[in-house]
Amino acid sequence: MESEALEQVGHLPFYITGPGQTDGLMVGIIILALVGVVLIGVFYLYLHAWDCPDFCALAW
């Protein structure tokens, strides 16, 4: 009976965690979201640090 339960647990996908264990997929998604927000902010500030709107207006 116990070996059957252990055998079934071995076939669970990686994103299903047991009670009290860290959810690695959620941690990874949170890190990815934070990095994405920071990169979008850096890109936004980069565009405005060079006065891109004024530069683009002069180019046309």
PDB file of N, CA and C in Angstrom:
ATOM      1  N   MET A   1       0.827  -1.188   0.000  1.00  0.00           N
ATOM      2  CA  MET A   1       0.000   0.000   0.000  1.00  0.00           C
ATOM      3  C   MET A   1       0.873   1.255   0.000  1.00  0.00           C
ATOM      4  N   GLU A   2       1.896   1.269   0.842  1.00  0.00           N
ATOM      5  CA  GLU A   2       2.763   2.436   0.933  1.00  0.00           C
ATOM      6  C   GLU A   2       3.597   2.599  -0.336  1.00  0.00           C
ATOM      7  N   SER A   3       4.048   1.500  -0.921  1.00  0.00           N
ATOM      8  CA  SER A   3       4.842   1.595  -2.143  1.00  0.00           C
ATOM      9  C   SER A   3       4.012   2.126  -3.308  1.00  0.00           C
ATOM     10  N   GLU A   4       2.722   1.815  -3.336  1.00  0.00           N
ATOM     11  CA  GLU A   4       1.853   2.348  -4.389  1.00  0.00           C
ATOM     12  C   GLU A   4       1.717   3.866  -4.256  1.00  0.00           C
ATOM     13  N   ALA A   5       1.595   4.349  -3.031  1.00  0.00           N
ATOM     14  CA  ALA A   5       1.469   5.792  -2.803  1.00  0.00           C
ATOM     15  C   ALA A   5       2.754   6.506  -3.215  1.00  0.00           C
ATOM     16  N   LEU A   6       3.907   5.940  -2.882  1.00  0.00           N
ATOM     17  CA  LEU A   6       5.176   6.549  -3.265  1.00  0.00           C
ATOM     18  C   LEU A   6       5.366   6.520  -4.776  1.00  0.00           C
ATOM     19  N   GLU A   7       4.892   5.463  -5.413  1.00  0.00           N
ATOM     20  CA  GLU A   7       5.007   5.364  -6.863  1.00  0.00           C
ATOM     21  C   GLU A   7       4.160   6.438  -7.547  1.00  0.00           C
ATOM     22  N   GLN A   8       2.982   6.709  -7.019  1.00  0.00           N
ATOM     23  CA  GLN A   8       2.117   7.730  -7.597  1.00  0.00           C
ATOM     24  C   GLN A   8       2.701   9.126  -7.385  1.00  0.00           C
ATOM     25  N   VAL A   9       3.327   9.364  -6.262  1.00  0.00           N
ATOM     26  CA  VAL A   9       3.936  10.664  -5.989  1.00  0.00           C
ATOM     27  C   VAL A   9       5.084  10.916  -6.962  1.00  0.00           C
ATOM     28  N   GLY A  10       5.777   9.900  -7.370  1.00  0.00           N
ATOM     29  CA  GLY A  10       6.884  10.053  -8.305  1.00  0.00           C
ATOM     30  C   GLY A  10       6.456  10.536  -9.670  1.00  0.00           C
ATOM     31  N   HIS A  11       5.186  10.420 -10.010  1.00  0.00           N
ATOM     32  CA  HIS A  11       4.697  10.807 -11.329  1.00  0.00           C
ATOM     33  C   HIS A  11       4.037  12.182 -11.344  1.00  0.00           C
ATOM     34  N   LEU A  12       4.084  12.919 -10.242  1.00  0.00           N
ATOM     35  CA  LEU A  12       3.487  14.250 -10.209  1.00  0.00           C
ATOM     36  C   LEU A  12       4.368  15.235 -10.972  1.00  0.00           C
ATOM     37  N   PRO A  13       3.781  16.231 -11.601  1.00  0.00           N
ATOM     38  CA  PRO A  13       4.583  17.241 -12.302  1.00  0.00           C
ATOM     39  C   PRO A  13       5.446  18.044 -11.325  1.00  0.00           C
ATOM     40  N   PHE A  14       6.465  18.713 -11.852  1.00  0.00           N
ATOM     41  CA  PHE A  14       7.416  19.429 -10.999  1.00  0.00           C
ATOM     42  C   PHE A  14       6.781  20.599 -10.270  1.00  0.00           C
ATOM     43  N   TYR A  15       5.702  21.163 -10.813  1.00  0.00           N
ATOM     44  CA  TYR A  15       5.124  22.365 -10.209  1.00  0.00           C
ATOM     45  C   TYR A  15       4.150  22.068  -9.083  1.00  0.00           C
ATOM     46  N   ILE A  16       3.888  20.823  -8.795  1.00  0.00           N
ATOM     47  CA  ILE A  16       3.039  20.465  -7.660  1.00  0.00           C
ATOM     48  C   ILE A  16       3.956  20.174  -6.480  1.00  0.00           C
ATOM     49  N   THR A  17       3.805  20.963  -5.419  1.00  0.00           N
ATOM     50  CA  THR A  17       4.671  20.813  -4.248  1.00  0.00           C
ATOM     51  C   THR A  17       3.882  20.249  -3.083  1.00  0.00           C
ATOM     52  N   GLY A  18       4.595  19.687  -2.176  1.00  0.00           N
ATOM     53  CA  GLY A  18       3.974  19.146  -0.985  1.00  0.00           C
ATOM     54  C   GLY A  18       3.698  20.229   0.037  1.00  0.00           C
ATOM     55  N   PRO A  19       2.977  19.878   1.083  1.00  0.00           N
ATOM     56  CA  PRO A  19       2.690  20.861   2.129  1.00  0.00           C
ATOM     57  C   PRO A  19       3.976  21.321   2.819  1.00  0.00           C
ATOM     58  N   GLY A  20       4.103  22.616   3.005  1.00  0.00           N
ATOM     59  CA  GLY A  20       5.262  23.164   3.697  1.00  0.00           C
ATOM     60  C   GLY A  20       6.487  23.340   2.830  1.00  0.00           C
ATOM     61  N   GLN A  21       6.406  22.994   1.551  1.00  0.00           N
ATOM     62  CA  GLN A  21       7.553  23.149   0.658  1.00  0.00           C
ATOM     63  C   GLN A  21       7.424  24.437  -0.146  1.00  0.00           C
ATOM     64  N   THR A  22       8.556  24.944  -0.609  1.00  0.00           N
ATOM     65  CA  THR A  22       8.566  26.169  -1.400  1.00  0.00           C
ATOM     66  C   THR A  22       8.072  25.879  -2.808  1.00  0.00           C
ATOM     67  N   ASP A  23       7.190  26.741  -3.294  1.00  0.00           N
ATOM     68  CA  ASP A  23       6.660  26.612  -4.647  1.00  0.00           C
ATOM     69  C   ASP A  23       7.637  27.287  -5.605  1.00  0.00           C
ATOM     70  N   GLY A  24       8.467  26.499  -6.244  1.00  0.00           N
ATOM     71  CA  GLY A  24       9.515  27.028  -7.108  1.00  0.00           C
ATOM     72  C   GLY A  24       8.988  27.765  -8.322  1.00  0.00           C
ATOM     73  N   LEU A  25       7.889  27.296  -8.890  1.00  0.00           N
ATOM     74  CA  LEU A  25       7.325  27.954 -10.064  1.00  0.00           C
ATOM     75  C   LEU A  25       6.823  29.352  -9.720  1.00  0.00           C
ATOM     76  N   MET A  26       6.166  29.496  -8.578  1.00  0.00           N
ATOM     77  CA  MET A  26       5.667  30.809  -8.169  1.00  0.00           C
ATOM     78  C   MET A  26       6.830  31.763  -7.897  1.00  0.00           C
ATOM     79  N   VAL A  27       7.864  31.281  -7.242  1.00  0.00           N
ATOM     80  CA  VAL A  27       9.038  32.115  -6.966  1.00  0.00           C
ATOM     81  C   VAL A  27       9.675  32.561  -8.280  1.00  0.00           C
ATOM     82  N   GLY A  28       9.777  31.651  -9.232  1.00  0.00           N
ATOM     83  CA  GLY A  28      10.351  31.999 -10.531  1.00  0.00           C
ATOM     84  C   GLY A  28       9.535  33.037 -11.274  1.00  0.00           C
ATOM     85  N   ILE A  29       8.213  32.906 -11.242  1.00  0.00           N
ATOM     86  CA  ILE A  29       7.341  33.867 -11.917  1.00  0.00           C
ATOM     87  C   ILE A  29       7.417  35.232 -11.243  1.00  0.00           C
ATOM     88  N   ILE A  30       7.497  35.255  -9.914  1.00  0.00           N
ATOM     89  CA  ILE A  30       7.617  36.533  -9.201  1.00  0.00           C
ATOM     90  C   ILE A  30       8.924  37.226  -9.576  1.00  0.00           C
ATOM     91  N   ILE A  31      10.014  36.479  -9.627  1.00  0.00           N
ATOM     92  CA  ILE A  31      11.309  37.054 -10.009  1.00  0.00           C
ATOM     93  C   ILE A  31      11.251  37.563 -11.444  1.00  0.00           C
ATOM     94  N   LEU A  32      10.644  36.785 -12.339  1.00  0.00           N
ATOM     95  CA  LEU A  32      10.513  37.204 -13.732  1.00  0.00           C
ATOM     96  C   LEU A  32       9.684  38.484 -13.847  1.00  0.00           C
ATOM     97  N   ALA A  33       8.606  38.579 -13.087  1.00  0.00           N
ATOM     98  CA  ALA A  33       7.758  39.777 -13.122  1.00  0.00           C
ATOM     99  C   ALA A  33       8.513  40.993 -12.593  1.00  0.00           C
ATOM    100  N   LEU A  34       9.253  40.829 -11.502  1.00  0.00           N
ATOM    101  CA  LEU A  34      10.021  41.951 -10.952  1.00  0.00           C
ATOM    102  C   LEU A  34      11.102  42.421 -11.920  1.00  0.00           C
ATOM    103  N   VAL A  35      11.796  41.483 -12.532  1.00  0.00           N
ATOM    104  CA  VAL A  35      12.827  41.846 -13.511  1.00  0.00           C
ATOM    105  C   VAL A  35      12.188  42.557 -14.698  1.00  0.00           C
ATOM    106  N   GLY A  36      11.034  42.085 -15.135  1.00  0.00           N
ATOM    107  CA  GLY A  36      10.339  42.730 -16.244  1.00  0.00           C
ATOM    108  C   GLY A  36       9.932  44.153 -15.922  1.00  0.00           C
ATOM    109  N   VAL A  37       9.405  44.375 -14.723  1.00  0.00           N
ATOM    110  CA  VAL A  37       8.997  45.728 -14.323  1.00  0.00           C
ATOM    111  C   VAL A  37      10.211  46.647 -14.244  1.00  0.00           C
ATOM    112  N   VAL A  38      11.301  46.162 -13.694  1.00  0.00           N
ATOM    113  CA  VAL A  38      12.517  46.977 -13.601  1.00  0.00           C
ATOM    114  C   VAL A  38      13.050  47.299 -14.996  1.00  0.00           C
ATOM    115  N   LEU A  39      13.064  46.327 -15.890  1.00  0.00           N
ATOM    116  CA  LEU A  39      13.566  46.580 -17.241  1.00  0.00           C
ATOM    117  C   LEU A  39      12.685  47.567 -17.999  1.00  0.00           C
ATOM    118  N   ILE A  40      11.383  47.474 -17.830  1.00  0.00           N
ATOM    119  CA  ILE A  40      10.486  48.439 -18.467  1.00  0.00           C
ATOM    120  C   ILE A  40      10.749  49.838 -17.910  1.00  0.00           C
ATOM    121  N   GLY A  41      10.955  49.948 -16.607  1.00  0.00           N
ATOM    122  CA  GLY A  41      11.262  51.241 -16.002  1.00  0.00           C
ATOM    123  C   GLY A  41      12.579  51.804 -16.491  1.00  0.00           C
ATOM    124  N   VAL A  42      13.585  50.965 -16.603  1.00  0.00           N
ATOM    125  CA  VAL A  42      14.892  51.420 -17.091  1.00  0.00           C
ATOM    126  C   VAL A  42      14.772  51.884 -18.539  1.00  0.00           C
ATOM    127  N   PHE A  43      14.048  51.137 -19.347  1.00  0.00           N
ATOM    128  CA  PHE A  43      13.857  51.523 -20.748  1.00  0.00           C
ATOM    129  C   PHE A  43      13.112  52.850 -20.854  1.00  0.00           C
ATOM    130  N   TYR A  44      12.091  53.022 -20.044  1.00  0.00           N
ATOM    131  CA  TYR A  44      11.325  54.269 -20.035  1.00  0.00           C
ATOM    132  C   TYR A  44      12.215  55.446 -19.636  1.00  0.00           C
ATOM    133  N   LEU A  45      12.990  55.276 -18.570  1.00  0.00           N
ATOM    134  CA  LEU A  45      13.869  56.360 -18.133  1.00  0.00           C
ATOM    135  C   LEU A  45      14.989  56.619 -19.132  1.00  0.00           C
ATOM    136  N   TYR A  46      15.455  55.581 -19.804  1.00  0.00           N
ATOM    137  CA  TYR A  46      16.489  55.744 -20.827  1.00  0.00           C
ATOM    138  C   TYR A  46      15.970  56.605 -21.976  1.00  0.00           C
ATOM    139  N   LEU A  47      14.738  56.347 -22.388  1.00  0.00           N
ATOM    140  CA  LEU A  47      14.164  57.139 -23.475  1.00  0.00           C
ATOM    141  C   LEU A  47      14.027  58.601 -23.083  1.00  0.00           C
ATOM    142  N   HIS A  48      13.607  58.862 -21.874  1.00  0.00           N
ATOM    143  CA  HIS A  48      13.361  60.234 -21.467  1.00  0.00           C
ATOM    144  C   HIS A  48      14.623  60.940 -20.970  1.00  0.00           C
ATOM    145  N   ALA A  49      15.650  60.202 -20.629  1.00  0.00           N
ATOM    146  CA  ALA A  49      16.903  60.828 -20.222  1.00  0.00           C
ATOM    147  C   ALA A  49      17.588  61.472 -21.424  1.00  0.00           C
ATOM    148  N   TRP A  50      17.396  60.929 -22.598  1.00  0.00           N
ATOM    149  CA  TRP A  50      18.002  61.466 -23.807  1.00  0.00           C
ATOM    150  C   TRP A  50      17.062  62.431 -24.521  1.00  0.00           C
ATOM    151  N   ASP A  51      15.982  62.814 -23.873  1.00  0.00           N
ATOM    152  CA  ASP A  51      14.983  63.687 -24.486  1.00  0.00           C
ATOM    153  C   ASP A  51      14.541  63.145 -25.837  1.00  0.00           C
ATOM    154  N   CYS A  52      14.252  61.883 -25.842  1.00  0.00           N
ATOM    155  CA  CYS A  52      13.857  61.217 -27.077  1.00  0.00           C
ATOM    156  C   CYS A  52      12.651  61.873 -27.747  1.00  0.00           C
ATOM    157  N   PRO A  53      11.619  62.279 -27.013  1.00  0.00           N
ATOM    158  CA  PRO A  53      10.494  62.923 -27.707  1.00  0.00           C
ATOM    159  C   PRO A  53      10.923  64.192 -28.452  1.00  0.00           C
ATOM    160  N   ASP A  54      11.775  65.006 -27.843  1.00  0.00           N
ATOM    161  CA  ASP A  54      12.242  66.220 -28.513  1.00  0.00           C
ATOM    162  C   ASP A  54      13.139  65.884 -29.698  1.00  0.00           C
ATOM    163  N   PHE A  55      13.994  64.911 -29.502  1.00  0.00           N
ATOM    164  CA  PHE A  55      14.895  64.511 -30.578  1.00  0.00           C
ATOM    165  C   PHE A  55      14.114  63.953 -31.760  1.00  0.00           C
ATOM    166  N   CYS A  56      13.135  63.123 -31.472  1.00  0.00           N
ATOM    167  CA  CYS A  56      12.327  62.540 -32.543  1.00  0.00           C
ATOM    168  C   CYS A  56      11.512  63.617 -33.248  1.00  0.00           C
ATOM    169  N   ALA A  57      11.044  64.614 -32.514  1.00  0.00           N
ATOM    170  CA  ALA A  57      10.272  65.692 -33.130  1.00  0.00           C
ATOM    171  C   ALA A  57      11.160  66.518 -34.063  1.00  0.00           C
ATOM    172  N   LEU A  58      12.421  66.722 -33.694  1.00  0.00           N
ATOM    173  CA  LEU A  58      13.331  67.483 -34.545  1.00  0.00           C
ATOM    174  C   LEU A  58      13.733  66.701 -35.787  1.00  0.00           C
ATOM    175  N   ALA A  59      13.774  65.381 -35.669  1.00  0.00           N
ATOM    176  CA  ALA A  59      14.198  64.552 -36.789  1.00  0.00           C
ATOM    177  C   ALA A  59      13.168  64.571 -37.909  1.00  0.00           C
ATOM    178  N   TRP A  60      11.927  64.803 -37.600  1.00  0.00           N
ATOM    179  CA  TRP A  60      10.875  64.802 -38.632  1.00  0.00           C
ATOM    180  C   TRP A  60      10.666  66.186 -39.091  1.00  0.00           C
TER     181      TRP A  60
END
